[in-house]
Amino acid sequence: MAKAKKPDVIDSFINSMNWNWGNFSMLPIFFGTLMALLDIVMMSSVKMIHGGTLSGSIGIPLAVGIYAMEPLLFLKAMNYEGMAVMNLIWNLMSNVLVTLQALLIFDETIKGVRWVAVGMAVLSLAIFAYTAD
């Protein structure tokens, strides 16, 4: 018989919190946000290399090193949510946060109907968090 695994620091933190907000489970959103924050560091490093404000010899190893942590978070997230839903939440959250980063930090713009797409991504996140189905 397999030995029961002792909860690590992350599991202890997760188990100490109430992740439900009415009919919404915020735990997958939390994991998606953590993974998206790693995406932000990786994407900003690449953007800064492209813009000439960061050396590729520093930025590429930084971006690769940060991005290499994604599977560890994803593996932990799958203890609480399935692969399909977790992947979609991560991708949507990354799309929203990286877009906000591009707008607020790198002075990029989005115009017209493309804002509808950003809004639909946010709405999709809310639908994925809804658990009363």
Protein backbone atom coordinates (compact mmCIF):
# COMPACT_ATOMS: atom_id res chain seq x y z
CA MET A 1 0.00 0.00 0.00
CA ALA A 2 1.28 3.45 -0.92
CA LYS A 3 2.32 5.72 1.89
CA ALA A 4 0.10 8.78 2.35
CA LYS A 5 1.85 11.91 1.14
CA LYS A 6 2.32 14.65 3.72
CA PRO A 7 0.93 18.00 2.51
CA ASP A 8 3.60 20.46 1.46
CA VAL A 9 3.57 24.21 2.19
CA ILE A 10 1.41 24.95 -0.86
CA ASP A 11 -1.16 22.29 0.06
CA SER A 12 -1.23 23.54 3.66
CA PHE A 13 -1.85 27.10 2.42
CA ILE A 14 -4.58 25.93 0.05
CA ASN A 15 -6.28 23.84 2.73
CA SER A 16 -6.22 26.77 5.18
CA MET A 17 -8.31 28.99 2.90
CA ASN A 18 -11.93 28.99 1.79
CA TRP A 19 -11.61 29.29 -2.00
CA ASN A 20 -15.34 29.45 -2.66
CA TRP A 21 -17.11 32.72 -3.25
CA GLY A 22 -20.77 31.78 -3.48
CA ASN A 23 -21.00 29.39 -6.43
CA PHE A 24 -17.55 30.36 -7.69
CA SER A 25 -14.38 28.39 -6.97
CA MET A 26 -11.49 30.82 -6.93
CA LEU A 27 -8.73 28.20 -6.52
CA PRO A 28 -8.35 27.49 -10.25
CA ILE A 29 -8.32 31.26 -10.84
CA PHE A 30 -5.57 31.56 -8.20
CA PHE A 31 -3.44 28.94 -9.96
CA GLY A 32 -4.15 30.49 -13.36
CA THR A 33 -3.10 33.88 -11.99
CA LEU A 34 0.16 32.50 -10.58
CA MET A 35 1.00 30.88 -13.89
CA ALA A 36 0.03 34.05 -15.77
CA LEU A 37 2.35 36.09 -13.51
CA LEU A 38 5.19 33.82 -14.59
CA ASP A 39 4.11 34.51 -18.18
CA ILE A 40 4.31 38.25 -17.49
CA VAL A 41 7.92 37.99 -16.32
CA MET A 42 8.80 35.83 -19.32
CA MET A 43 6.96 38.04 -21.84
CA SER A 44 8.36 41.28 -20.45
CA SER A 45 11.88 39.87 -20.65
CA VAL A 46 11.35 39.02 -24.31
CA LYS A 47 9.73 42.41 -24.99
CA MET A 48 12.67 44.18 -23.36
CA ILE A 49 15.15 42.15 -25.44
CA HIS A 50 13.18 43.09 -28.55
CA GLY A 51 13.21 46.74 -27.52
CA GLY A 52 16.91 46.74 -26.76
CA THR A 53 16.56 47.52 -23.06
CA LEU A 54 17.68 44.06 -21.88
CA SER A 55 20.57 42.00 -23.13
CA GLY A 56 19.61 38.69 -24.72
CA SER A 57 22.39 36.99 -22.74
CA ILE A 58 20.52 37.93 -19.55
CA GLY A 59 16.93 38.00 -20.80
CA ILE A 60 16.76 34.65 -22.58
CA PRO A 61 18.06 32.59 -19.60
CA LEU A 62 15.75 34.60 -17.31
CA ALA A 63 12.73 33.98 -19.54
CA VAL A 64 13.50 30.28 -19.97
CA GLY A 65 14.18 29.82 -16.26
CA ILE A 66 10.95 31.51 -15.23
CA TYR A 67 8.92 29.63 -17.84
CA ALA A 68 10.43 26.33 -16.69
CA MET A 69 8.50 26.73 -13.40
CA GLU A 70 5.12 26.57 -15.22
CA PRO A 71 4.92 22.74 -15.28
CA LEU A 72 5.51 22.60 -11.52
CA LEU A 73 2.58 24.94 -10.86
CA PHE A 74 0.43 23.18 -13.44
CA LEU A 75 1.15 19.81 -11.83
CA LYS A 76 0.12 21.16 -8.42
CA ALA A 77 -3.01 22.77 -9.92
CA MET A 78 -4.14 19.44 -11.35
CA ASN A 79 -4.56 18.17 -7.78
CA TYR A 80 -7.53 20.54 -7.57
CA GLU A 81 -8.85 20.88 -11.14
CA GLY A 82 -8.68 18.85 -14.34
CA MET A 83 -6.15 19.49 -17.10
CA ALA A 84 -8.67 20.84 -19.65
CA VAL A 85 -10.20 23.47 -17.36
CA MET A 86 -6.88 24.41 -15.74
CA ASN A 87 -5.22 24.93 -19.12
CA LEU A 88 -8.06 27.12 -20.35
CA ILE A 89 -8.04 29.21 -17.16
CA TRP A 90 -4.27 29.65 -17.35
CA ASN A 91 -4.41 30.68 -21.02
CA LEU A 92 -7.27 33.10 -20.51
CA MET A 93 -5.71 34.67 -17.42
CA SER A 94 -2.38 34.96 -19.20
CA ASN A 95 -4.05 36.63 -22.17
CA VAL A 96 -5.77 39.18 -19.95
CA LEU A 97 -2.76 39.96 -17.73
CA VAL A 98 -0.20 40.10 -20.54
CA THR A 99 -2.56 42.39 -22.46
CA LEU A 100 -2.86 44.69 -19.43
CA GLN A 101 0.93 44.66 -19.10
CA ALA A 102 1.32 45.62 -22.75
CA LEU A 103 -1.14 48.48 -22.32
CA LEU A 104 0.01 49.82 -18.96
CA ILE A 105 3.74 49.23 -19.02
CA PHE A 106 4.75 49.07 -22.67
CA ASP A 107 2.31 51.74 -23.94
CA GLU A 108 0.74 49.51 -26.55
CA THR A 109 -2.88 50.07 -27.61
CA ILE A 110 -5.97 48.07 -28.38
CA LYS A 111 -8.75 49.72 -30.33
CA GLY A 112 -12.29 49.04 -31.34
CA VAL A 113 -13.90 45.65 -31.26
CA ARG A 114 -10.75 43.99 -29.90
CA TRP A 115 -11.85 45.21 -26.45
CA VAL A 116 -14.85 42.91 -26.83
CA ALA A 117 -12.44 39.98 -27.12
CA VAL A 118 -10.67 41.03 -23.91
CA GLY A 119 -14.05 41.32 -22.17
CA MET A 120 -15.06 37.88 -23.43
CA ALA A 121 -11.85 36.43 -21.95
CA VAL A 122 -12.75 37.93 -18.55
CA LEU A 123 -16.32 36.62 -18.86
CA SER A 124 -14.96 33.18 -19.78
CA LEU A 125 -12.86 33.15 -16.61
CA ALA A 126 -15.97 33.85 -14.55
CA ILE A 127 -17.83 31.02 -16.29
CA PHE A 128 -14.99 28.59 -15.63
CA ALA A 129 -14.97 29.56 -11.94
CA TYR A 130 -18.75 28.96 -11.64
CA THR A 131 -19.31 25.59 -9.99
CA ALA A 132 -23.07 25.22 -9.51
CA ASP A 133 -23.56 23.10 -12.63
